[in-house]
Protein backbone atom coordinates (compact mmCIF):
# COMPACT_ATOMS: atom_id res chain seq x y z
CA UNK A 1 12.37 24.99 -11.03
CA UNK A 2 12.37 21.31 -9.15
CA UNK A 3 13.54 18.40 -10.94
CA UNK A 4 10.79 15.83 -11.18
CA UNK A 5 11.04 12.41 -9.30
CA UNK A 6 12.52 9.73 -11.28
CA UNK A 7 10.69 7.72 -9.52
CA UNK A 8 6.99 7.09 -7.58
CA UNK A 9 6.95 4.28 -4.24
CA UNK A 10 3.21 2.67 -4.24
CA UNK A 11 2.77 0.87 -0.82
CA UNK A 12 -0.47 -1.36 0.32
CA UNK A 13 -0.90 -1.83 3.92
CA UNK A 14 -3.27 -4.91 5.32
CA UNK A 15 -4.68 -4.82 9.12
CA UNK A 16 -6.03 -6.27 11.39
CA UNK A 17 -9.69 -6.35 11.22
CA UNK A 18 -13.34 -7.85 11.81
CA UNK A 19 -16.59 -8.56 10.49
CA UNK A 20 -18.13 -6.47 12.68
CA UNK A 21 -17.16 -4.18 15.13
CA UNK A 22 -13.48 -4.88 17.53
CA UNK A 23 -13.16 -6.85 20.36
CA UNK A 24 -13.11 -5.26 23.51
CA UNK A 25 -9.47 -3.80 23.96
CA UNK A 26 -8.42 -4.49 20.68
CA UNK A 27 -7.47 -1.90 17.79
CA UNK A 28 -6.44 -2.46 13.86
CA UNK A 29 -2.43 -2.60 13.91
CA UNK A 30 -0.17 -2.70 10.27
CA UNK A 31 -0.19 -6.21 9.71
CA UNK A 32 1.60 -6.07 6.08
CA UNK A 33 3.24 -3.08 3.92
CA UNK A 34 3.44 -4.27 0.33
CA UNK A 35 5.43 -1.73 -1.63
CA UNK A 36 7.32 -1.31 -5.00
CA UNK A 37 8.71 1.15 -6.75
CA UNK A 38 7.95 2.35 -10.35
CA UNK A 39 10.67 4.53 -12.84
CA UNK A 40 8.65 7.33 -13.57
CA UNK A 41 10.92 7.44 -17.17
CA UNK A 42 10.23 4.00 -18.37
CA UNK A 43 6.90 3.01 -16.67
CA UNK A 44 8.56 -0.28 -15.30
CA UNK A 45 8.30 -1.12 -11.49
CA UNK A 46 12.33 -1.53 -9.95
CA UNK A 47 11.72 -2.87 -6.91
CA UNK A 48 9.05 -4.56 -5.10
CA UNK A 49 8.49 -6.01 -0.94
CA UNK A 50 6.45 -7.53 1.63
CA UNK A 51 7.27 -6.20 5.01
CA UNK A 52 4.96 -8.72 7.39
CA UNK A 53 4.23 -7.57 10.60
CA UNK A 54 3.39 -8.54 14.45
CA UNK A 55 -0.11 -6.83 15.71
CA UNK A 56 0.80 -5.63 19.46
CA UNK A 57 -2.51 -4.55 20.28
CA UNK A 58 -4.76 -6.62 18.60
CA UNK A 59 -4.90 -10.22 16.85
CA UNK A 60 -5.73 -11.71 13.26
CA UNK A 61 -9.33 -12.25 13.46
CA UNK A 62 -10.94 -15.69 11.43
CA UNK A 63 -12.45 -12.93 9.39
CA UNK A 64 -9.26 -11.10 8.63
CA UNK A 65 -7.70 -14.29 7.87
CA UNK A 66 -10.28 -15.10 5.29
CA UNK A 67 -9.84 -11.58 3.20
CA UNK A 68 -5.74 -11.44 3.57
CA UNK A 69 -4.68 -15.08 4.25
CA UNK A 70 -2.45 -13.49 7.01
CA UNK A 71 -2.50 -15.82 10.17
CA UNK A 72 -0.90 -15.03 13.62
CA UNK A 73 1.16 -18.17 13.71
CA UNK A 74 2.45 -16.87 10.23
CA UNK A 75 3.27 -12.78 11.82
CA UNK A 76 4.60 -14.49 14.83
CA UNK A 77 6.99 -16.66 12.68
CA UNK A 78 7.98 -14.00 10.04
CA UNK A 79 7.07 -11.05 11.72
CA UNK A 80 8.81 -7.65 12.55
CA UNK A 81 8.31 -4.98 14.91
CA UNK A 82 6.56 -1.83 12.67
CA UNK A 83 10.00 0.38 13.78
CA UNK A 84 12.12 -1.82 11.80
CA UNK A 85 9.84 -2.15 9.21
CA UNK A 86 9.40 1.27 8.64
CA UNK A 87 13.53 0.90 9.22
CA UNK A 88 13.74 -1.27 6.33
CA UNK A 89 11.37 0.73 4.00
CA UNK A 90 13.88 4.12 3.92
CA UNK A 91 16.95 1.81 3.53
CA UNK A 92 15.51 0.32 0.61
CA UNK A 93 13.53 3.50 -0.47
CA UNK A 94 14.78 6.22 0.61
CA UNK A 95 10.78 7.70 0.62
CA UNK A 96 11.47 10.62 1.78
CA UNK A 97 12.91 12.12 -1.30
CA UNK A 98 9.76 10.20 -3.64
CA UNK A 99 6.32 10.98 -4.72
CA UNK A 100 4.42 7.99 -2.87
CA UNK A 101 0.99 6.91 -3.59
CA UNK A 102 -1.92 4.24 -2.48
CA UNK A 103 -5.35 3.46 -3.18
CA UNK A 104 -7.21 5.60 -1.57
CA UNK A 105 -6.39 7.53 1.78
CA UNK A 106 -6.65 5.05 4.22
CA UNK A 107 -3.12 3.94 3.85
CA UNK A 108 -1.79 7.62 4.21
CA UNK A 109 -3.75 8.34 7.45
CA UNK A 110 -3.38 4.68 9.15
CA UNK A 111 0.76 5.26 8.86
CA UNK A 112 1.03 8.29 10.31
CA UNK A 113 -1.58 7.55 12.94
CA UNK A 114 0.65 4.25 13.45
CA UNK A 115 4.20 6.43 13.13
CA UNK A 116 2.82 8.53 15.72
CA UNK A 117 1.31 5.74 18.26
CA UNK A 118 4.90 3.54 18.38
CA UNK A 119 6.61 6.78 18.31
CA UNK A 120 7.92 5.92 14.74
CA UNK A 121 9.69 8.65 12.34
CA UNK A 122 6.87 9.10 9.16
CA UNK A 123 9.05 7.88 6.42
CA UNK A 124 7.34 9.26 3.51
CA UNK A 125 7.61 12.89 1.74
CA UNK A 126 4.86 15.55 1.70
CA UNK A 127 3.81 14.82 -1.62
CA UNK A 128 0.97 11.67 -1.48
CA UNK A 129 -1.00 10.27 -4.76
CA UNK A 130 -3.78 9.05 -4.32
CA UNK A 131 -4.55 6.94 -7.31
CA UNK A 132 -8.11 6.11 -6.44
CA UNK A 133 -8.85 9.49 -7.02
CA UNK A 134 -6.54 10.08 -9.92
CA UNK A 135 -7.37 7.29 -11.54
CA UNK A 136 -11.47 8.62 -11.42
CA UNK A 137 -10.52 12.16 -12.89
CA UNK A 138 -8.10 10.09 -15.33
CA UNK A 139 -11.59 7.97 -16.25
CA UNK A 140 -14.06 10.84 -16.40
CA UNK A 141 -15.85 8.23 -13.81
CA UNK A 142 -16.30 8.29 -10.04
CA UNK A 143 -14.04 6.53 -7.84
CA UNK A 144 -14.37 2.93 -7.93
CA UNK A 145 -12.55 0.16 -6.32
CA UNK A 146 -9.20 -1.30 -8.02
CA UNK A 147 -10.84 -4.29 -9.18
CA UNK A 148 -13.28 -2.50 -10.81
CA UNK A 149 -10.93 -0.12 -12.25
CA UNK A 150 -8.51 -2.88 -13.18
CA UNK A 151 -11.06 -4.74 -15.22
CA UNK A 152 -12.27 -0.97 -16.50
CA UNK A 153 -9.00 -0.97 -18.06
CA UNK A 154 -8.91 -4.61 -19.35
CA UNK A 155 -6.40 -5.69 -16.71
CA UNK A 156 -6.45 -9.08 -14.48
CA UNK A 157 -6.00 -8.74 -10.90
CA UNK A 158 -2.43 -10.66 -10.30
CA UNK A 159 -2.00 -12.28 -7.40
CA UNK A 160 -4.02 -11.76 -4.21
CA UNK A 161 -6.46 -9.39 -3.45
CA UNK A 162 -5.67 -7.80 0.12
CA UNK A 163 -2.54 -8.75 0.32
CA UNK A 164 -0.21 -5.99 0.16
CA UNK A 165 2.26 -6.70 -2.29
CA UNK A 166 0.42 -7.88 -4.77
CA UNK A 167 -2.39 -5.35 -4.28
CA UNK A 168 0.82 -2.45 -4.70
CA UNK A 169 1.69 -4.51 -8.11
CA UNK A 170 -2.32 -3.51 -8.96
CA UNK A 171 -2.13 -0.49 -7.94
CA UNK A 172 1.23 -0.15 -9.93
CA UNK A 173 -0.65 -1.34 -12.93
CA UNK A 174 -3.19 0.96 -12.85
CA UNK A 175 -1.24 3.87 -12.47
CA UNK A 176 1.18 2.66 -15.68
CA UNK A 177 -1.71 2.02 -17.73
CA UNK A 178 -2.95 5.54 -16.90
CA UNK A 179 0.26 6.88 -17.63
CA UNK A 180 0.51 4.79 -20.98
CA UNK A 181 -2.70 6.42 -22.03
CA UNK A 182 -1.55 9.63 -21.58
CA UNK A 183 2.07 9.68 -23.04
CA UNK A 184 0.19 7.62 -25.80
CA UNK A 185 2.47 4.51 -25.51
């Protein structure tokens, strides 16, 4: 019998984006990975990080800055390569050994695509939990946005929406709340 994972890793990505179509020659790049680890035993966040990433195939548009607060200057000064961010995540979180989760499927597909394009080993295991779909199923309603589900559960959004770490922690808060309801806590 397979041992149940003692942790769930939640991630949230931010990527370069534009109000309409990307400018010619530019493609969406991951510019932030927010990550946190939840203990499945005590349902508490054990650790959390954000990794800022220098975009290679695009620049941060004014629309993207308005949405995320991230700027080209900030990423140039404090960002790292995508490969280095993945190496640090592997070292600190050992994600291949855990179930990991995100809000929807965009993050999983964007990570796989970026790893393939940059020839970086995919760091996560096969078991991915789409918390957006799971929340809809558990609440008996259609899929909704993260802010709507937080409000439905009587929770507030902490931090800045569309920042990787803040959103990862808010997604974790949704999952923890749902687990506590299921466990009768």
